[in-house]
Amino acid sequence: MSHDSNHTRQIAVAFAAQRDLARSMLRQQMDARGLTEKNGWRISESLRNVVGGTELVLRPIHLREHAPEDLESIVTINEVDGTADLR
C-alpha cells in the first residue's frame, strides 16, 4: 500500500470518528430539548466550503417543525493536512 493511500485512509478514519462524535453529541442535545427521533426529528448533514477547508454541518431537522437555530455540530476538515476537528 502506498504512503498516499495509507495517509488518505488515516484521514478518512479520523474524519469518520469526529463525524460520529458530532452526531452523538448533537443527538444528546436534541433529546435534552425534546427533539427526539420518536417525534420525527432527524439530523441533516451538509457540506460547506470555508477558507482553509471544508465544514460538515449537522443540524436537527423535522418535516413540520422549525428547528432551533442555535443547535448544530460542525466538523472542520483542514485542506492542508486533512485533520478533522469538532467544534
C-alpha atoms as a PDB file:
ATOM      1  CA  MET A   1       0.000   0.000   0.000  1.00  0.00           C
ATOM      2  CA  SER A   2       1.363   3.418  -0.936  1.00  0.00           C
ATOM      3  CA  HIS A   3       2.028   6.163   1.564  1.00  0.00           C
ATOM      4  CA  ASP A   4      -0.649   8.373  -0.074  1.00  0.00           C
ATOM      5  CA  SER A   5      -3.389   5.769   0.213  1.00  0.00           C
ATOM      6  CA  ASN A   6      -2.376   4.975   3.783  1.00  0.00           C
ATOM      7  CA  HIS A   7      -2.472   8.679   4.657  1.00  0.00           C
ATOM      8  CA  THR A   8      -5.860   9.041   2.951  1.00  0.00           C
ATOM      9  CA  ARG A   9      -7.192   6.105   4.940  1.00  0.00           C
ATOM     10  CA  GLN A  10      -5.958   7.678   8.199  1.00  0.00           C
ATOM     11  CA  ILE A  11      -7.668  10.958   7.306  1.00  0.00           C
ATOM     12  CA  ALA A  12     -10.917   9.124   6.483  1.00  0.00           C
ATOM     13  CA  VAL A  13     -10.864   7.180   9.759  1.00  0.00           C
ATOM     14  CA  ALA A  14     -10.206  10.348  11.786  1.00  0.00           C
ATOM     15  CA  PHE A  15     -12.973  12.211   9.950  1.00  0.00           C
ATOM     16  CA  ALA A  16     -15.455   9.355  10.476  1.00  0.00           C
ATOM     17  CA  ALA A  17     -14.675   9.314  14.197  1.00  0.00           C
ATOM     18  CA  GLN A  18     -15.247  13.069  14.504  1.00  0.00           C
ATOM     19  CA  ARG A  19     -18.485  12.809  12.494  1.00  0.00           C
ATOM     20  CA  ASP A  20     -19.768  10.010  14.734  1.00  0.00           C
ATOM     21  CA  LEU A  21     -18.898  12.016  17.841  1.00  0.00           C
ATOM     22  CA  ALA A  22     -20.623  15.106  16.424  1.00  0.00           C
ATOM     23  CA  ARG A  23     -23.790  13.105  15.654  1.00  0.00           C
ATOM     24  CA  SER A  24     -23.795  11.554  19.117  1.00  0.00           C
ATOM     25  CA  MET A  25     -23.311  14.885  20.892  1.00  0.00           C
ATOM     26  CA  LEU A  26     -25.964  16.591  18.764  1.00  0.00           C
ATOM     27  CA  ARG A  27     -28.434  13.758  19.359  1.00  0.00           C
ATOM     28  CA  GLN A  28     -27.899  14.112  23.139  1.00  0.00           C
ATOM     29  CA  GLN A  29     -28.518  17.863  22.944  1.00  0.00           C
ATOM     30  CA  MET A  30     -31.608  17.307  20.796  1.00  0.00           C
ATOM     31  CA  ASP A  31     -33.003  14.685  23.167  1.00  0.00           C
ATOM     32  CA  ALA A  32     -32.447  17.040  26.111  1.00  0.00           C
ATOM     33  CA  ARG A  33     -34.632  19.621  24.323  1.00  0.00           C
ATOM     34  CA  GLY A  34     -37.322  17.080  23.444  1.00  0.00           C
ATOM     35  CA  LEU A  35     -36.313  16.869  19.774  1.00  0.00           C
ATOM     36  CA  THR A  36     -36.414  13.077  19.760  1.00  0.00           C
ATOM     37  CA  GLU A  37     -36.227  10.659  16.880  1.00  0.00           C
ATOM     38  CA  LYS A  38     -39.521   9.181  18.085  1.00  0.00           C
ATOM     39  CA  ASN A  39     -41.149  12.579  17.484  1.00  0.00           C
ATOM     40  CA  GLY A  40     -39.787  12.796  13.935  1.00  0.00           C
ATOM     41  CA  TRP A  41     -36.550  14.699  14.489  1.00  0.00           C
ATOM     42  CA  ARG A  42     -33.587  13.699  12.346  1.00  0.00           C
ATOM     43  CA  ILE A  43     -30.073  15.008  11.810  1.00  0.00           C
ATOM     44  CA  SER A  44     -29.279  16.650   8.495  1.00  0.00           C
ATOM     45  CA  GLU A  45     -25.740  16.894   7.168  1.00  0.00           C
ATOM     46  CA  SER A  46     -24.440  19.443   4.705  1.00  0.00           C
ATOM     47  CA  LEU A  47     -21.013  20.466   3.477  1.00  0.00           C
ATOM     48  CA  ARG A  48     -19.795  23.998   3.025  1.00  0.00           C
ATOM     49  CA  ASN A  49     -16.512  25.329   1.748  1.00  0.00           C
ATOM     50  CA  VAL A  50     -14.718  27.757   4.014  1.00  0.00           C
ATOM     51  CA  VAL A  51     -11.341  29.434   3.869  1.00  0.00           C
ATOM     52  CA  GLY A  52      -8.787  26.741   4.647  1.00  0.00           C
ATOM     53  CA  GLY A  53     -11.015  23.716   4.303  1.00  0.00           C
ATOM     54  CA  THR A  54     -14.479  22.235   4.418  1.00  0.00           C
ATOM     55  CA  GLU A  55     -17.086  22.006   7.159  1.00  0.00           C
ATOM     56  CA  LEU A  56     -19.604  19.255   7.727  1.00  0.00           C
ATOM     57  CA  VAL A  57     -22.588  20.900   9.424  1.00  0.00           C
ATOM     58  CA  LEU A  58     -25.028  18.726  11.365  1.00  0.00           C
ATOM     59  CA  ARG A  59     -28.374  20.199  12.400  1.00  0.00           C
ATOM     60  CA  PRO A  60     -31.726  18.950  13.631  1.00  0.00           C
ATOM     61  CA  ILE A  61     -34.448  18.754  11.005  1.00  0.00           C
ATOM     62  CA  HIS A  62     -38.159  17.952  11.094  1.00  0.00           C
ATOM     63  CA  LEU A  63     -40.740  17.764   8.312  1.00  0.00           C
ATOM     64  CA  ARG A  64     -43.248  20.042  10.059  1.00  0.00           C
ATOM     65  CA  GLU A  65     -41.459  21.786  12.934  1.00  0.00           C
ATOM     66  CA  HIS A  66     -38.949  24.610  12.896  1.00  0.00           C
ATOM     67  CA  ALA A  67     -35.503  23.629  14.140  1.00  0.00           C
ATOM     68  CA  PRO A  68     -33.728  25.782  16.714  1.00  0.00           C
ATOM     69  CA  GLU A  69     -31.111  27.942  15.019  1.00  0.00           C
ATOM     70  CA  ASP A  70     -28.659  27.669  17.899  1.00  0.00           C
ATOM     71  CA  LEU A  71     -28.310  23.891  17.768  1.00  0.00           C
ATOM     72  CA  GLU A  72     -25.648  22.397  15.483  1.00  0.00           C
ATOM     73  CA  SER A  73     -22.379  20.494  15.417  1.00  0.00           C
ATOM     74  CA  ILE A  74     -19.595  21.236  12.952  1.00  0.00           C
ATOM     75  CA  VAL A  75     -16.699  19.041  11.886  1.00  0.00           C
ATOM     76  CA  THR A  76     -13.959  21.101  10.249  1.00  0.00           C
ATOM     77  CA  ILE A  77     -11.658  19.450   7.717  1.00  0.00           C
ATOM     78  CA  ASN A  78      -8.359  21.252   7.177  1.00  0.00           C
ATOM     79  CA  GLU A  79      -7.432  21.347   3.487  1.00  0.00           C
ATOM     80  CA  VAL A  80      -3.687  21.484   4.187  1.00  0.00           C
ATOM     81  CA  ASP A  81      -3.189  18.437   6.391  1.00  0.00           C
ATOM     82  CA  GLY A  82      -6.603  16.753   6.312  1.00  0.00           C
ATOM     83  CA  THR A  83      -7.166  16.906  10.055  1.00  0.00           C
ATOM     84  CA  ALA A  84     -10.749  16.884  11.282  1.00  0.00           C
ATOM     85  CA  ASP A  85     -11.853  18.778  14.383  1.00  0.00           C
ATOM     86  CA  LEU A  86     -15.216  19.021  16.115  1.00  0.00           C
ATOM     87  CA  ARG A  87     -16.485  22.389  17.227  1.00  0.00           C
END
